[in-house]
Amino acid sequence: DDYIKIYVNGLSRPILTLLSLKGVLEKLPAKHFSRIHRSFIVPHAQVQSIQNKKVYLTSGRELPIGNSYSQFVEEWKR
């Protein structure tokens, strides 16, 4: 549905909003955020590494990279 959870460092609970990921991505600066999966947008500054179609964040979270979002991997390598 059209609601998402936004996880912010320093907050104990995520922010719940009635927006789509597409809508949020359009509001974020493209040079700092990328969509990596139909369910995830990541801030570039929080990406620690990318291995085996997974993004590892500095927080320790591990997120999958969707097949149709593999261009993120190519851009990250540059």
N, C-alpha and C. Protein backbone atom coordinates (compact mmCIF):
# COMPACT_ATOMS: atom_id res chain seq x y z
N ASP A 1 0.83 -1.19 0.00
CA ASP A 1 0.00 0.00 0.00
C ASP A 1 0.88 1.25 0.00
N ASP A 2 0.28 2.40 0.05
CA ASP A 2 1.02 3.65 -0.01
C ASP A 2 1.37 4.19 1.37
N TYR A 3 2.09 3.40 2.12
CA TYR A 3 2.66 3.91 3.36
C TYR A 3 4.05 3.31 3.49
N ILE A 4 4.94 4.05 4.11
CA ILE A 4 6.31 3.57 4.27
C ILE A 4 6.80 3.91 5.67
N LYS A 5 7.83 3.18 6.06
CA LYS A 5 8.53 3.46 7.31
C LYS A 5 9.87 4.09 6.96
N ILE A 6 10.18 5.19 7.63
CA ILE A 6 11.46 5.86 7.42
C ILE A 6 12.28 5.69 8.69
N TYR A 7 13.43 5.05 8.55
CA TYR A 7 14.30 4.83 9.70
C TYR A 7 15.33 5.95 9.74
N VAL A 8 15.43 6.62 10.89
CA VAL A 8 16.34 7.74 11.07
C VAL A 8 17.28 7.42 12.22
N ASN A 9 18.58 7.61 11.97
CA ASN A 9 19.55 7.39 13.05
C ASN A 9 19.21 8.29 14.22
N GLY A 10 19.24 7.75 15.41
CA GLY A 10 18.97 8.52 16.62
C GLY A 10 17.53 8.42 17.11
N LEU A 11 16.63 7.94 16.27
CA LEU A 11 15.24 7.76 16.69
C LEU A 11 15.01 6.30 17.03
N SER A 12 14.27 6.05 18.09
CA SER A 12 14.07 4.66 18.50
C SER A 12 13.02 3.95 17.66
N ARG A 13 12.10 4.73 17.05
CA ARG A 13 11.05 4.12 16.23
C ARG A 13 11.05 4.77 14.84
N PRO A 14 10.66 4.02 13.82
CA PRO A 14 10.59 4.61 12.48
C PRO A 14 9.43 5.59 12.36
N ILE A 15 9.55 6.48 11.39
CA ILE A 15 8.48 7.42 11.06
C ILE A 15 7.58 6.73 10.05
N LEU A 16 6.28 6.74 10.27
CA LEU A 16 5.31 6.14 9.36
C LEU A 16 4.64 7.25 8.56
N THR A 17 4.64 7.11 7.23
CA THR A 17 4.05 8.16 6.39
C THR A 17 3.20 7.55 5.28
N LEU A 18 2.21 8.29 4.84
CA LEU A 18 1.31 7.82 3.79
C LEU A 18 1.78 8.29 2.42
N LEU A 19 3.00 7.98 2.08
CA LEU A 19 3.57 8.28 0.78
C LEU A 19 4.06 6.99 0.13
N SER A 20 4.23 7.02 -1.16
CA SER A 20 4.83 5.87 -1.84
C SER A 20 6.35 6.06 -1.86
N LEU A 21 7.08 4.98 -2.07
CA LEU A 21 8.53 5.10 -2.19
C LEU A 21 8.89 5.97 -3.38
N LYS A 22 8.16 5.84 -4.46
CA LYS A 22 8.41 6.67 -5.64
C LYS A 22 8.25 8.15 -5.29
N GLY A 23 7.21 8.49 -4.54
CA GLY A 23 6.98 9.87 -4.14
C GLY A 23 8.09 10.41 -3.25
N VAL A 24 8.55 9.59 -2.33
CA VAL A 24 9.64 10.01 -1.45
C VAL A 24 10.93 10.18 -2.24
N LEU A 25 11.22 9.23 -3.14
CA LEU A 25 12.44 9.30 -3.92
C LEU A 25 12.48 10.56 -4.78
N GLU A 26 11.35 10.99 -5.29
CA GLU A 26 11.28 12.21 -6.09
C GLU A 26 11.60 13.46 -5.25
N LYS A 27 11.39 13.39 -3.95
CA LYS A 27 11.65 14.54 -3.08
C LYS A 27 13.08 14.56 -2.54
N LEU A 28 13.78 13.43 -2.62
CA LEU A 28 15.14 13.33 -2.10
C LEU A 28 16.15 13.73 -3.17
N PRO A 29 17.30 14.29 -2.77
CA PRO A 29 18.33 14.63 -3.76
C PRO A 29 18.95 13.35 -4.36
N ALA A 30 18.85 13.23 -5.68
CA ALA A 30 19.28 12.01 -6.38
C ALA A 30 20.75 11.69 -6.18
N LYS A 31 21.57 12.69 -5.95
CA LYS A 31 23.00 12.41 -5.78
C LYS A 31 23.32 11.84 -4.39
N HIS A 32 22.33 11.80 -3.49
CA HIS A 32 22.57 11.29 -2.14
C HIS A 32 21.76 10.05 -1.77
N PHE A 33 20.77 9.70 -2.58
CA PHE A 33 19.89 8.56 -2.28
C PHE A 33 19.64 7.74 -3.53
N SER A 34 19.52 6.42 -3.36
CA SER A 34 19.19 5.53 -4.47
C SER A 34 18.21 4.47 -4.03
N ARG A 35 17.37 4.08 -4.96
CA ARG A 35 16.46 2.97 -4.71
C ARG A 35 17.20 1.70 -5.11
N ILE A 36 17.25 0.73 -4.20
CA ILE A 36 18.00 -0.50 -4.46
C ILE A 36 17.09 -1.72 -4.58
N HIS A 37 15.81 -1.53 -4.27
CA HIS A 37 14.86 -2.64 -4.23
C HIS A 37 13.47 -2.02 -4.27
N ARG A 38 12.47 -2.79 -4.64
CA ARG A 38 11.12 -2.22 -4.66
C ARG A 38 10.67 -1.76 -3.28
N SER A 39 11.39 -2.20 -2.24
CA SER A 39 11.02 -1.85 -0.86
C SER A 39 12.02 -0.97 -0.14
N PHE A 40 13.13 -0.60 -0.78
CA PHE A 40 14.18 0.12 -0.05
C PHE A 40 14.80 1.26 -0.84
N ILE A 41 14.97 2.40 -0.16
CA ILE A 41 15.79 3.52 -0.62
C ILE A 41 16.89 3.68 0.42
N VAL A 42 18.13 3.88 -0.04
CA VAL A 42 19.23 4.03 0.91
C VAL A 42 19.97 5.34 0.69
N PRO A 43 20.45 5.95 1.79
CA PRO A 43 21.32 7.12 1.64
C PRO A 43 22.73 6.65 1.33
N HIS A 44 23.36 7.22 0.33
CA HIS A 44 24.69 6.78 -0.08
C HIS A 44 25.70 6.86 1.07
N ALA A 45 25.56 7.84 1.92
CA ALA A 45 26.51 8.02 3.03
C ALA A 45 26.46 6.87 4.03
N GLN A 46 25.38 6.10 4.04
CA GLN A 46 25.24 5.00 4.99
C GLN A 46 25.66 3.65 4.41
N VAL A 47 26.02 3.61 3.12
CA VAL A 47 26.42 2.35 2.50
C VAL A 47 27.87 2.06 2.85
N GLN A 48 28.08 0.93 3.50
CA GLN A 48 29.43 0.53 3.88
C GLN A 48 30.06 -0.30 2.77
N SER A 49 29.30 -1.26 2.23
CA SER A 49 29.83 -2.09 1.15
C SER A 49 28.68 -2.75 0.40
N ILE A 50 29.02 -3.31 -0.76
CA ILE A 50 28.07 -4.06 -1.57
C ILE A 50 28.72 -5.37 -1.95
N GLN A 51 28.03 -6.47 -1.63
CA GLN A 51 28.55 -7.80 -1.93
C GLN A 51 27.38 -8.74 -2.22
N ASN A 52 27.53 -9.55 -3.25
CA ASN A 52 26.55 -10.60 -3.55
C ASN A 52 25.11 -10.10 -3.57
N LYS A 53 24.86 -9.03 -4.31
CA LYS A 53 23.52 -8.46 -4.45
C LYS A 53 22.91 -8.04 -3.12
N LYS A 54 23.77 -7.60 -2.20
CA LYS A 54 23.31 -7.07 -0.92
C LYS A 54 24.07 -5.79 -0.59
N VAL A 55 23.36 -4.87 0.03
CA VAL A 55 23.97 -3.62 0.50
C VAL A 55 24.13 -3.74 2.01
N TYR A 56 25.32 -3.45 2.50
CA TYR A 56 25.60 -3.46 3.94
C TYR A 56 25.73 -2.01 4.39
N LEU A 57 24.89 -1.65 5.35
CA LEU A 57 24.87 -0.27 5.86
C LEU A 57 25.79 -0.14 7.06
N THR A 58 26.18 1.09 7.36
CA THR A 58 27.05 1.33 8.51
C THR A 58 26.37 0.96 9.82
N SER A 59 25.03 0.89 9.81
CA SER A 59 24.28 0.52 11.01
C SER A 59 24.33 -0.99 11.27
N GLY A 60 24.84 -1.75 10.30
CA GLY A 60 24.88 -3.19 10.45
C GLY A 60 23.77 -3.90 9.70
N ARG A 61 22.79 -3.15 9.21
CA ARG A 61 21.69 -3.76 8.44
C ARG A 61 22.18 -4.24 7.09
N GLU A 62 21.55 -5.29 6.64
CA GLU A 62 21.85 -5.89 5.34
C GLU A 62 20.57 -5.85 4.51
N LEU A 63 20.64 -5.25 3.32
CA LEU A 63 19.45 -5.09 2.48
C LEU A 63 19.71 -5.72 1.11
N PRO A 64 18.69 -6.36 0.53
CA PRO A 64 18.86 -6.96 -0.80
C PRO A 64 18.82 -5.90 -1.90
N ILE A 65 19.49 -6.21 -3.01
CA ILE A 65 19.40 -5.38 -4.20
C ILE A 65 18.49 -6.10 -5.18
N GLY A 66 17.42 -5.46 -5.60
CA GLY A 66 16.49 -6.05 -6.54
C GLY A 66 17.10 -6.18 -7.93
N ASN A 67 16.67 -7.16 -8.68
CA ASN A 67 17.20 -7.39 -10.02
C ASN A 67 17.07 -6.17 -10.93
N SER A 68 15.98 -5.47 -10.84
CA SER A 68 15.79 -4.31 -11.72
C SER A 68 16.49 -3.05 -11.21
N TYR A 69 17.20 -3.14 -10.10
CA TYR A 69 17.92 -1.99 -9.54
C TYR A 69 19.43 -2.21 -9.54
N SER A 70 19.89 -3.10 -10.39
CA SER A 70 21.32 -3.44 -10.40
C SER A 70 22.20 -2.29 -10.89
N GLN A 71 21.62 -1.25 -11.53
CA GLN A 71 22.42 -0.10 -11.96
C GLN A 71 23.06 0.58 -10.76
N PHE A 72 22.45 0.44 -9.59
CA PHE A 72 23.04 1.02 -8.37
C PHE A 72 24.42 0.45 -8.12
N VAL A 73 24.58 -0.84 -8.33
CA VAL A 73 25.88 -1.50 -8.13
C VAL A 73 26.92 -0.92 -9.09
N GLU A 74 26.54 -0.75 -10.34
CA GLU A 74 27.46 -0.20 -11.33
C GLU A 74 27.85 1.24 -10.99
N GLU A 75 26.90 2.04 -10.55
CA GLU A 75 27.21 3.42 -10.17
C GLU A 75 28.10 3.46 -8.93
N TRP A 76 27.88 2.55 -8.00
CA TRP A 76 28.67 2.52 -6.77
C TRP A 76 30.13 2.18 -7.07
N LYS A 77 30.37 1.33 -8.06
CA LYS A 77 31.74 0.93 -8.41
C LYS A 77 32.57 2.08 -8.97
N ARG A 78 31.90 3.10 -9.52
CA ARG A 78 32.63 4.22 -10.13
C ARG A 78 33.28 5.11 -9.15
